[in-house]
Protein backbone atom coordinates (compact mmCIF):
# COMPACT_ATOMS: atom_id res chain seq x y z
CA UNK A 1 235.27 -17.27 302.50
CA UNK A 2 232.33 -15.25 301.01
CA UNK A 3 232.99 -11.65 300.14
CA UNK A 4 230.74 -10.51 302.85
CA UNK A 5 232.88 -12.36 305.54
CA UNK A 6 236.02 -11.26 303.72
CA UNK A 7 234.78 -7.54 304.20
CA UNK A 8 234.07 -8.34 307.86
CA UNK A 9 237.31 -9.86 308.45
CA UNK A 10 239.25 -7.34 306.72
CA UNK A 11 237.42 -4.50 308.48
CA UNK A 12 237.58 -6.18 312.17
CA UNK A 13 240.85 -7.71 311.92
CA UNK A 14 243.04 -6.78 308.96
CA UNK A 15 242.70 -3.14 309.09
CA UNK A 16 243.27 -2.97 312.76
CA UNK A 17 246.37 -4.93 312.73
CA UNK A 18 247.57 -3.46 309.11
CA UNK A 19 251.04 -2.65 310.58
CA UNK A 20 251.26 -6.20 312.33
CA UNK A 21 250.58 -8.55 309.79
CA UNK A 22 253.59 -10.51 308.44
CA UNK A 23 252.13 -13.45 306.51
CA UNK A 24 249.35 -13.17 304.10
CA UNK A 25 247.63 -16.05 302.08
CA UNK A 26 244.57 -15.28 299.68
CA UNK A 27 243.43 -18.60 297.67
CA UNK A 28 241.11 -17.04 295.25
CA UNK A 29 242.03 -13.72 294.81
CA UNK A 30 240.07 -12.92 291.60
CA UNK A 31 237.07 -12.82 294.05
CA UNK A 32 237.91 -9.80 296.14
CA UNK A 33 237.88 -6.42 295.38
CA UNK A 34 241.06 -4.79 294.91
CA UNK A 35 240.28 -1.32 296.45
CA UNK A 36 239.67 -3.27 299.66
CA UNK A 37 242.61 -5.31 300.02
CA UNK A 38 245.06 -2.84 299.68
CA UNK A 39 248.54 -4.48 299.69
CA UNK A 40 250.62 -1.31 299.87
CA UNK A 41 249.84 -0.63 303.58
CA UNK A 42 250.70 -3.56 305.18
CA UNK A 43 254.19 -2.50 305.74
CA UNK A 44 255.36 -5.52 308.02
CA UNK A 45 254.25 -8.06 305.47
CA UNK A 46 257.10 -10.70 304.92
CA UNK A 47 255.43 -13.11 303.40
CA UNK A 48 252.64 -13.16 300.82
CA UNK A 49 250.65 -15.89 299.10
CA UNK A 50 248.40 -14.96 296.46
CA UNK A 51 246.67 -17.84 294.75
CA UNK A 52 244.21 -17.67 291.36
CA UNK A 53 244.98 -14.10 290.36
CA UNK A 54 243.33 -12.58 287.39
CA UNK A 55 246.16 -11.78 285.19
CA UNK A 56 244.89 -8.15 284.48
CA UNK A 57 245.41 -7.47 288.05
CA UNK A 58 249.15 -8.39 288.40
CA UNK A 59 250.61 -4.94 287.47
CA UNK A 60 248.60 -3.32 290.16
CA UNK A 61 249.69 -5.89 292.72
CA UNK A 62 253.31 -5.77 291.93
CA UNK A 63 253.12 -1.87 292.18
CA UNK A 64 251.74 -1.93 295.52
CA UNK A 65 254.70 -4.59 296.51
CA UNK A 66 257.57 -1.80 295.83
CA UNK A 67 255.97 -0.26 299.22
CA UNK A 68 256.69 -3.31 301.37
CA UNK A 69 260.25 -3.20 302.85
CA UNK A 70 260.08 -6.40 304.66
CA UNK A 71 258.73 -8.64 301.61
CA UNK A 72 261.06 -11.79 301.33
CA UNK A 73 258.77 -14.34 300.28
CA UNK A 74 256.35 -14.31 297.36
CA UNK A 75 254.21 -16.78 295.86
CA UNK A 76 251.95 -16.26 293.02
CA UNK A 77 249.82 -18.33 290.78
CA UNK A 78 247.24 -17.01 287.82
CA UNK A 79 243.86 -18.35 286.82
CA UNK A 80 244.83 -17.74 283.02
CA UNK A 81 247.95 -17.36 280.99
CA UNK A 82 249.69 -14.10 281.57
CA UNK A 83 250.68 -12.10 278.19
CA UNK A 84 253.34 -10.00 279.17
CA UNK A 85 255.25 -12.24 281.21
CA UNK A 86 258.66 -10.43 280.70
CA UNK A 87 257.42 -7.26 282.61
CA UNK A 88 255.93 -9.18 285.30
CA UNK A 89 259.46 -10.74 285.82
CA UNK A 90 261.28 -7.49 285.62
CA UNK A 91 259.09 -6.08 288.12
CA UNK A 92 259.63 -9.11 290.49
CA UNK A 93 263.13 -8.97 289.92
CA UNK A 94 263.25 -5.13 291.49
CA UNK A 95 261.88 -6.35 294.76
CA UNK A 96 264.70 -5.31 296.97
CA UNK A 97 264.55 -7.70 299.75
CA UNK A 98 262.98 -10.67 298.02
CA UNK A 99 264.65 -13.89 298.81
CA UNK A 100 261.96 -16.64 297.93
CA UNK A 101 259.92 -16.40 294.91
CA UNK A 102 257.34 -19.27 293.51
CA UNK A 103 255.60 -18.47 290.19
CA UNK A 104 252.90 -20.05 288.12
CA UNK A 105 251.70 -17.63 285.48
CA UNK A 106 250.05 -19.95 282.57
CA UNK A 107 252.61 -22.69 281.75
CA UNK A 108 254.02 -21.07 279.29
CA UNK A 109 257.12 -19.06 279.27
CA UNK A 110 257.22 -16.02 276.78
CA UNK A 111 258.36 -16.58 273.17
CA UNK A 112 260.37 -13.35 273.47
CA UNK A 113 263.67 -13.38 275.39
CA UNK A 114 264.21 -11.35 278.40
CA UNK A 115 266.84 -8.30 277.53
CA UNK A 116 269.80 -9.07 279.47
CA UNK A 117 270.90 -7.37 282.55
CA UNK A 118 274.49 -6.33 283.85
CA UNK A 119 273.35 -3.99 287.11
CA UNK A 120 269.66 -5.18 287.80
CA UNK A 121 270.35 -8.16 290.05
CA UNK A 122 267.73 -9.48 292.14
CA UNK A 123 268.14 -10.61 295.71
CA UNK A 124 266.00 -13.73 295.22
CA UNK A 125 267.89 -16.84 296.61
CA UNK A 126 265.34 -19.64 296.13
CA UNK A 127 263.28 -19.17 292.80
CA UNK A 128 260.44 -21.71 291.76
CA UNK A 129 259.34 -21.30 288.09
CA UNK A 130 256.20 -23.73 287.29
CA UNK A 131 256.09 -22.63 283.30
CA UNK A 132 257.80 -24.03 280.79
CA UNK A 133 261.32 -22.27 279.71
CA UNK A 134 263.32 -22.70 276.86
CA UNK A 135 267.03 -23.17 277.09
CA UNK A 136 267.89 -20.34 274.96
CA UNK A 137 266.12 -17.95 277.76
CA UNK A 138 268.11 -18.88 280.45
CA UNK A 139 271.00 -16.52 280.02
CA UNK A 140 269.09 -13.52 280.38
CA UNK A 141 267.00 -14.93 283.22
CA UNK A 142 269.93 -15.96 284.88
CA UNK A 143 271.53 -12.52 284.47
CA UNK A 144 268.75 -11.25 286.84
CA UNK A 145 269.64 -13.96 289.63
CA UNK A 146 273.21 -14.30 290.16
CA UNK A 147 272.62 -15.06 294.18
CA UNK A 148 270.32 -18.19 293.60
CA UNK A 149 270.85 -20.86 296.22
CA UNK A 150 267.86 -23.19 295.20
CA UNK A 151 266.41 -23.38 291.79
CA UNK A 152 263.58 -25.08 290.14
CA UNK A 153 262.62 -25.37 286.55
CA UNK A 154 260.51 -27.11 283.89
CA UNK A 155 262.85 -27.13 281.08
CA UNK A 156 262.01 -26.92 277.02
CA UNK A 157 264.85 -27.77 274.48
CA UNK A 158 264.99 -26.35 271.06
CA UNK A 159 268.06 -27.47 268.88
CA UNK A 160 268.78 -24.26 266.92
CA UNK A 161 268.84 -22.36 270.11
CA UNK A 162 271.27 -24.49 271.80
CA UNK A 163 273.61 -24.63 269.08
CA UNK A 164 273.99 -20.71 269.06
CA UNK A 165 274.01 -20.39 272.76
CA UNK A 166 276.28 -17.83 274.26
CA UNK A 167 276.58 -18.55 278.26
CA UNK A 168 276.82 -16.12 280.85
CA UNK A 169 278.52 -16.71 284.04
CA UNK A 170 277.69 -20.07 286.08
CA UNK A 171 275.46 -19.37 289.01
CA UNK A 172 278.15 -19.98 291.66
CA UNK A 173 276.18 -20.02 294.70
CA UNK A 174 273.69 -22.46 293.68
CA UNK A 175 273.73 -25.65 295.60
CA UNK A 176 270.44 -27.02 295.06
CA UNK A 177 268.34 -27.96 291.63
CA UNK A 178 265.42 -29.22 290.88
CA UNK A 179 264.74 -29.81 287.21
CA UNK A 180 261.92 -31.64 285.17
CA UNK A 181 263.09 -32.20 281.48
CA UNK A 182 261.32 -32.46 278.27
CA UNK A 183 261.79 -35.33 276.00
CA UNK A 184 263.76 -33.57 273.28
CA UNK A 185 266.80 -33.27 275.57
CA UNK A 186 270.10 -35.12 274.53
CA UNK A 187 273.10 -35.90 276.93
CA UNK A 188 275.19 -33.40 275.01
CA UNK A 189 272.42 -30.87 275.42
CA UNK A 190 272.02 -31.72 279.24
CA UNK A 191 276.03 -31.48 279.66
CA UNK A 192 276.12 -28.21 277.92
CA UNK A 193 273.48 -27.34 280.21
CA UNK A 194 275.09 -28.48 283.47
CA UNK A 195 278.03 -26.06 282.98
CA UNK A 196 275.97 -23.31 284.76
CA UNK A 197 275.70 -25.41 287.96
CA UNK A 198 279.26 -26.58 288.90
CA UNK A 199 278.66 -25.82 292.53
CA UNK A 200 275.46 -27.86 292.92
CA UNK A 201 275.24 -30.23 296.04
CA UNK A 202 271.79 -31.77 295.67
CA UNK A 203 270.34 -32.51 291.90
CA UNK A 204 266.66 -33.60 291.94
CA UNK A 205 265.67 -34.76 288.11
CA UNK A 206 262.29 -35.81 286.56
CA UNK A 207 262.48 -37.10 283.03
CA UNK A 208 260.24 -38.87 280.69
CA UNK A 209 262.42 -40.21 278.14
CA UNK A 210 264.17 -43.81 277.67
CA UNK A 211 267.32 -42.35 276.61
CA UNK A 212 267.82 -40.84 280.31
CA UNK A 213 268.31 -44.15 281.57
CA UNK A 214 271.96 -44.03 280.61
CA UNK A 215 274.34 -44.75 283.60
CA UNK A 216 277.55 -44.41 281.94
CA UNK A 217 276.63 -41.17 280.28
CA UNK A 218 275.62 -39.74 283.76
CA UNK A 219 278.75 -40.99 285.18
CA UNK A 220 280.45 -38.76 282.66
CA UNK A 221 278.17 -35.68 283.67
CA UNK A 222 278.62 -35.86 287.21
CA UNK A 223 282.52 -36.61 287.04
CA UNK A 224 283.10 -33.18 284.68
CA UNK A 225 280.61 -31.00 285.80
CA UNK A 226 279.58 -31.49 289.13
CA UNK A 227 282.59 -31.95 291.65
CA UNK A 228 280.31 -30.90 294.53
CA UNK A 229 277.49 -33.38 294.38
CA UNK A 230 276.37 -35.13 297.27
CA UNK A 231 272.92 -36.14 296.50
CA UNK A 232 271.52 -37.64 293.12
CA UNK A 233 267.71 -38.16 293.39
CA UNK A 234 265.94 -38.93 289.84
CA UNK A 235 262.79 -40.38 289.02
CA UNK A 236 262.30 -41.34 285.29
CA UNK A 237 259.24 -42.71 283.61
CA UNK A 238 260.18 -44.80 280.61
CA UNK A 239 258.37 -46.59 278.07
CA UNK A 240 258.34 -50.19 277.98
CA UNK A 241 255.71 -51.44 275.58
CA UNK A 242 257.82 -54.43 274.21
CA UNK A 243 259.43 -57.18 275.90
CA UNK A 244 263.16 -56.41 274.20
CA UNK A 245 262.94 -52.84 275.40
CA UNK A 246 261.75 -53.77 278.65
CA UNK A 247 264.82 -55.99 279.11
CA UNK A 248 267.36 -53.50 277.77
CA UNK A 249 266.00 -51.03 280.38
CA UNK A 250 266.40 -53.72 283.01
CA UNK A 251 269.84 -54.33 282.07
CA UNK A 252 270.54 -50.52 282.02
CA UNK A 253 269.31 -50.61 285.90
CA UNK A 254 271.93 -53.05 286.52
CA UNK A 255 274.71 -50.33 285.26
CA UNK A 256 273.49 -48.41 288.23
CA UNK A 257 274.78 -50.91 290.88
CA UNK A 258 278.74 -50.02 289.83
CA UNK A 259 281.18 -49.11 292.08
CA UNK A 260 280.83 -45.14 291.14
CA UNK A 261 277.41 -45.20 292.64
CA UNK A 262 277.82 -47.53 295.37
CA UNK A 263 280.86 -45.48 296.47
CA UNK A 264 278.78 -42.39 296.57
CA UNK A 265 275.76 -44.28 298.40
CA UNK A 266 273.35 -43.67 295.56
CA UNK A 267 270.97 -46.30 295.44
CA UNK A 268 267.96 -47.14 292.96
CA UNK A 269 264.89 -49.14 292.46
CA UNK A 270 262.59 -49.53 289.98
CA UNK A 271 258.79 -50.58 289.05
CA UNK A 272 257.02 -51.95 286.27
CA UNK A 273 253.62 -50.18 285.75
CA UNK A 274 251.13 -49.98 282.98
CA UNK A 275 248.30 -47.74 281.68
CA UNK A 276 246.45 -47.51 278.52
CA UNK A 277 249.21 -46.79 276.53
CA UNK A 278 251.23 -50.07 277.73
CA UNK A 279 253.98 -50.70 280.14
CA UNK A 280 256.40 -48.48 281.37
CA UNK A 281 259.08 -48.49 283.71
CA UNK A 282 259.51 -46.11 286.77
CA UNK A 283 263.25 -45.78 287.79
CA UNK A 284 264.22 -44.04 291.00
CA UNK A 285 266.52 -43.11 293.96
CA UNK A 286 266.08 -44.59 297.00
CA UNK A 287 266.93 -43.85 300.90
CA UNK A 288 268.26 -41.62 302.28
CA UNK A 289 265.87 -39.44 300.19
CA UNK A 290 262.51 -38.68 301.70
CA UNK A 291 260.28 -39.14 298.75
CA UNK A 292 256.63 -37.60 298.87
CA UNK A 293 254.81 -39.75 296.72
CA UNK A 294 254.92 -43.59 295.78
CA UNK A 295 252.90 -45.56 292.68
CA UNK A 296 251.30 -48.86 293.66
CA UNK A 297 250.44 -50.49 290.06
CA UNK A 298 252.42 -53.57 289.50
CA UNK A 299 253.41 -56.64 292.02
CA UNK A 300 255.78 -55.43 294.52
CA UNK A 301 258.49 -57.95 296.53
CA UNK A 302 257.19 -59.81 299.45
CA UNK A 303 259.33 -57.78 301.65
CA UNK A 304 257.67 -55.69 304.52
CA UNK A 305 258.37 -52.11 304.44
CA UNK A 306 257.19 -48.62 305.96
CA UNK A 307 257.72 -45.45 304.06
CA UNK A 308 257.48 -42.62 306.64
CA UNK A 309 257.82 -40.04 303.87
CA UNK A 310 255.22 -40.31 301.76
CA UNK A 311 252.13 -38.39 301.70
CA UNK A 312 250.43 -39.24 298.28
CA UNK A 313 250.16 -42.80 296.53
CA UNK A 314 248.53 -43.66 292.91
CA UNK A 315 246.79 -47.08 292.60
CA UNK A 316 246.77 -48.64 289.19
CA UNK A 317 245.77 -52.23 290.19
CA UNK A 318 243.73 -53.50 293.10
CA UNK A 319 245.83 -56.97 292.96
CA UNK A 320 248.88 -54.91 294.03
CA UNK A 321 246.94 -53.47 297.10
CA UNK A 322 245.57 -57.10 297.94
CA UNK A 323 248.80 -58.39 298.11
CA UNK A 324 250.93 -55.21 299.38
CA UNK A 325 253.23 -55.92 302.68
CA UNK A 326 254.11 -52.01 302.79
CA UNK A 327 252.81 -49.56 305.13
CA UNK A 328 252.36 -45.58 304.22
CA UNK A 329 251.62 -44.03 307.95
CA UNK A 330 251.47 -40.36 306.70
CA UNK A 331 249.54 -40.56 303.67
CA UNK A 332 246.81 -37.83 303.29
CA UNK A 333 246.38 -38.00 299.33
CA UNK A 334 245.13 -41.23 297.18
CA UNK A 335 244.98 -41.07 293.52
CA UNK A 336 243.44 -44.06 291.46
CA UNK A 337 244.73 -44.23 288.04
CA UNK A 338 242.77 -44.13 284.70
CA UNK A 339 242.95 -47.79 284.28
CA UNK A 340 242.17 -48.83 287.82
CA UNK A 341 239.16 -51.40 287.91
CA UNK A 342 237.44 -52.49 290.93
CA UNK A 343 237.32 -55.95 291.46
CA UNK A 344 235.94 -55.98 295.00
CA UNK A 345 235.04 -52.96 297.06
CA UNK A 346 234.81 -54.98 300.14
CA UNK A 347 238.54 -56.52 299.79
CA UNK A 348 239.91 -52.89 298.08
CA UNK A 349 238.72 -50.93 301.58
CA UNK A 350 239.65 -53.69 304.02
CA UNK A 351 243.30 -54.04 302.42
CA UNK A 352 243.62 -50.46 301.51
CA UNK A 353 242.78 -49.82 305.50
CA UNK A 354 245.85 -52.39 306.47
CA UNK A 355 248.45 -50.13 304.45
CA UNK A 356 247.37 -46.68 305.41
CA UNK A 357 245.00 -44.90 307.68
CA UNK A 358 241.91 -44.26 305.90
CA UNK A 359 240.89 -41.52 308.53
CA UNK A 360 243.72 -39.64 307.99
CA UNK A 361 243.20 -38.90 304.24
CA UNK A 362 242.26 -35.40 303.15
CA UNK A 363 242.36 -35.48 299.39
CA UNK A 364 240.78 -38.34 296.78
CA UNK A 365 241.20 -38.18 293.01
CA UNK A 366 239.47 -41.02 290.98
CA UNK A 367 241.01 -40.67 287.19
CA UNK A 368 239.31 -43.92 286.22
CA UNK A 369 236.13 -44.19 284.34
CA UNK A 370 234.84 -47.33 286.14
CA UNK A 371 234.37 -46.41 289.60
CA UNK A 372 230.73 -46.91 290.61
CA UNK A 373 229.13 -44.06 292.88
CA UNK A 374 227.62 -46.61 295.18
CA UNK A 375 231.79 -47.72 295.58
CA UNK A 376 232.69 -44.10 296.18
CA UNK A 377 230.10 -43.68 298.80
CA UNK A 378 231.78 -46.91 300.64
CA UNK A 379 235.01 -45.30 300.27
CA UNK A 380 233.73 -42.29 302.14
CA UNK A 381 232.10 -44.13 304.83
CA UNK A 382 235.61 -45.24 305.88
CA UNK A 383 237.47 -42.14 304.74
CA UNK A 384 235.43 -39.45 306.20
CA UNK A 385 237.62 -36.82 306.73
CA UNK A 386 238.34 -36.08 302.90
CA UNK A 387 237.94 -32.53 302.44
CA UNK A 388 238.88 -32.18 298.55
CA UNK A 389 237.26 -34.93 296.02
CA UNK A 390 237.72 -35.24 292.24
CA UNK A 391 236.47 -37.67 290.11
CA UNK A 392 235.91 -38.07 286.19
CA UNK A 393 232.58 -39.80 286.07
CA UNK A 394 229.27 -40.87 287.97
CA UNK A 395 228.31 -44.30 286.81
CA UNK A 396 225.28 -44.76 288.70
CA UNK A 397 224.24 -47.83 286.61
CA UNK A 398 220.85 -49.16 287.78
CA UNK A 399 220.75 -47.22 290.91
CA UNK A 400 218.35 -43.69 290.33
CA UNK A 401 218.59 -40.81 292.76
CA UNK A 402 215.91 -41.68 294.77
CA UNK A 403 216.76 -45.07 295.55
CA UNK A 404 220.31 -43.73 296.64
CA UNK A 405 219.00 -41.10 298.79
CA UNK A 406 216.87 -43.46 300.94
CA UNK A 407 219.49 -46.14 301.36
CA UNK A 408 221.24 -46.20 304.67
CA UNK A 409 224.43 -46.02 303.11
CA UNK A 410 223.88 -42.47 301.28
CA UNK A 411 222.42 -41.33 304.37
CA UNK A 412 225.36 -42.28 306.52
CA UNK A 413 228.09 -40.75 304.09
CA UNK A 414 225.92 -37.38 303.91
CA UNK A 415 225.61 -36.93 307.75
CA UNK A 416 229.27 -37.93 308.25
CA UNK A 417 231.88 -36.84 305.29
CA UNK A 418 233.89 -33.75 305.35
CA UNK A 419 234.07 -32.85 301.51
CA UNK A 420 234.22 -28.85 301.03
CA UNK A 421 235.77 -29.01 297.63
CA UNK A 422 234.14 -30.96 294.87
CA UNK A 423 235.33 -31.38 291.06
CA UNK A 424 233.31 -33.60 288.79
CA UNK A 425 234.96 -33.74 285.64
CA UNK A 426 232.21 -34.89 283.70
CA UNK A 427 228.61 -33.48 282.12
CA UNK A 428 225.96 -32.99 285.13
CA UNK A 429 222.24 -32.05 284.57
CA UNK A 430 220.03 -30.79 287.53
CA UNK A 431 219.57 -34.61 288.69
CA UNK A 432 223.21 -35.32 289.40
CA UNK A 433 223.54 -31.75 290.78
CA UNK A 434 220.75 -32.34 293.26
CA UNK A 435 222.22 -35.83 293.95
CA UNK A 436 225.54 -34.48 294.78
CA UNK A 437 224.43 -31.72 297.14
CA UNK A 438 222.14 -33.99 299.09
CA UNK A 439 225.33 -36.17 299.63
CA UNK A 440 227.89 -33.36 300.12
CA UNK A 441 225.70 -30.88 302.46
CA UNK A 442 229.05 -29.01 303.46
CA UNK A 443 230.25 -28.06 300.06
CA UNK A 444 231.79 -24.70 299.53
CA UNK A 445 233.85 -25.17 296.17
CA UNK A 446 232.14 -26.91 292.84
CA UNK A 447 233.24 -27.45 289.67
CA UNK A 448 231.81 -29.46 286.62
CA UNK A 449 230.99 -29.74 283.40
CA UNK A 450 227.51 -28.39 282.11
CA UNK A 451 225.64 -30.93 280.00
CA UNK A 452 223.46 -28.11 278.39
CA UNK A 453 224.35 -24.30 278.71
CA UNK A 454 220.62 -23.84 279.36
CA UNK A 455 220.94 -26.41 282.18
CA UNK A 456 222.12 -23.12 284.14
CA UNK A 457 218.47 -21.95 284.40
CA UNK A 458 217.70 -24.89 286.89
CA UNK A 459 220.99 -25.25 288.37
CA UNK A 460 221.77 -22.05 289.75
CA UNK A 461 218.59 -21.26 290.88
CA UNK A 462 218.77 -24.52 293.01
CA UNK A 463 222.49 -24.21 294.20
CA UNK A 464 221.72 -20.47 295.20
CA UNK A 465 218.34 -20.73 296.99
CA UNK A 466 218.35 -19.11 300.21
CA UNK A 467 216.40 -21.90 301.60
CA UNK A 468 218.47 -24.77 300.44
CA UNK A 469 219.82 -25.82 303.65
CA UNK A 470 222.37 -28.21 301.86
CA UNK A 471 223.87 -25.22 299.95
CA UNK A 472 224.34 -22.58 302.71
CA UNK A 473 228.23 -22.80 302.57
CA UNK A 474 228.71 -22.76 298.87
CA UNK A 475 231.31 -19.87 297.87
CA UNK A 476 232.28 -20.63 294.73
CA UNK A 477 230.94 -22.58 291.53
CA UNK A 478 233.02 -23.35 288.35
CA UNK A 479 231.62 -24.39 285.06
CA UNK A 480 234.70 -26.02 283.39
CA UNK A 481 232.83 -25.56 279.86
CA UNK A 482 231.98 -22.12 279.95
CA UNK A 483 231.04 -19.75 277.25
CA UNK A 484 229.62 -16.82 275.96
CA UNK A 485 226.19 -18.05 276.44
CA UNK A 486 226.97 -18.30 279.97
CA UNK A 487 226.70 -14.87 280.90
CA UNK A 488 223.82 -14.37 279.15
CA UNK A 489 222.14 -17.22 281.20
CA UNK A 490 223.47 -15.72 284.39
CA UNK A 491 222.28 -12.26 283.57
CA UNK A 492 218.73 -13.63 282.71
CA UNK A 493 218.47 -15.11 285.95
CA UNK A 494 219.86 -12.14 288.06
CA UNK A 495 217.02 -9.82 286.25
CA UNK A 496 214.38 -12.10 286.37
CA UNK A 497 215.10 -12.48 290.41
CA UNK A 498 215.53 -16.09 290.17
CA UNK A 499 218.87 -15.84 291.89
CA UNK A 500 220.29 -13.04 294.07
CA UNK A 501 222.00 -10.33 292.62
CA UNK A 502 224.72 -10.92 295.36
CA UNK A 503 226.61 -13.42 293.10
CA UNK A 504 229.32 -12.04 290.85
CA UNK A 505 230.73 -13.99 287.88
CA UNK A 506 233.70 -13.74 285.77
CA UNK A 507 234.61 -15.74 282.40
CA UNK A 508 238.33 -16.73 282.48
CA UNK A 509 240.44 -19.11 279.96
CA UNK A 510 236.92 -20.87 278.76
CA UNK A 511 235.85 -21.22 282.56
CA UNK A 512 232.99 -19.79 284.15
CA UNK A 513 233.06 -18.88 287.76
CA UNK A 514 230.53 -17.41 290.08
CA UNK A 515 230.86 -16.55 293.85
CA UNK A 516 229.47 -14.45 296.21
């Protein structure tokens, strides 16, 4: 939504119903004028989702939220790292009726530790922190949220901090724990950590280290520390770059079939996959858990299976697709891995269509560098409802822009595709930008790397030309490799009249945003 459209919507809808709004979501908060978007007046607001906030705006926003007597759900993400993170956390913990809180504040938790509290207890019951946290910071964090029922953390380990750690009271109401561990954790450290959570009933765990494949150690932790555990849902990615290590991991997998696991109805499977670094083993829980993600990278068994809950599959090998008997009726997102190579575009599309609904896809991510542009167009001719497209490169080989634009396939895809959000992780000059805009005439958001900063002199007038019918819906442009010169070129184009002054800009975290 452009600033003009937002101002109209704000005037005609939001302001007229200020005291009736109970849910509000703003996806690119940094684009809008805070003096227009006043949150403190929306006294009926219960759910607030603010995405891509400029960090400097956070204090003002949180100050306004203290005036909302019914706000029970808050989700915040920022476009850059928040420097005064402890202050932000303390302000959030003071929101009196907040029950659900999801925070993504720049990945790194503050190096300084929160001060412990005795009386300032938050009402939050469900907390998700998508920023890395050290073990030694947990005591203070948990002292603010003793009423937690569900908790999701990405946890770092530091041995010195753990050895001297003093423990606060366990989170006695916690029933669900979602945990991602870094590779530095030992099982002794994990045992100490689990003392916080003796009441949990559901445990979701992601790990990236071979030492976590230890059935006997897990049996001990569960028996001693987790007496109420009903669901043990794990996913480990384990390096298996040599055959002896691969065989050792397979033997460890068999130990998860002992009576201890069978009695609890906890069952597991594994896949062997590969990337440019070599083979790795993926070990994961299976039914009755409703997993959302699946990876197709290595030969599968010959049985037919239907995965009703999967909405995202990652593909690493075309041969797996060609022989796959699995079916994924609800998949909306497909990712091609870095080492994926197309053997035959025709067989890929035919066989992929047999395991999922191409028309149902909404997001396509291409991480490999060898996905020819002509194959991308063929894919989009089948998957014409894709709205978000992310790809690494634009290999055109012998096809030039004019040749491609005149093909029936190009014209068909241009007429029928639904791509609104496009990210090209490759350097683009004006020729490639023109090609992309011709192919995707309904673009609202475009992000890319500049080949040269001075290319802005050609790219911006082309994209922001009021007479360009293919860019009429464009709202947001993002240069992933912005620099101090980007602003200079932008201001020059404004001052010279080559682009309209209605376009605004901001430079954040080495990225240059332009919007209207």
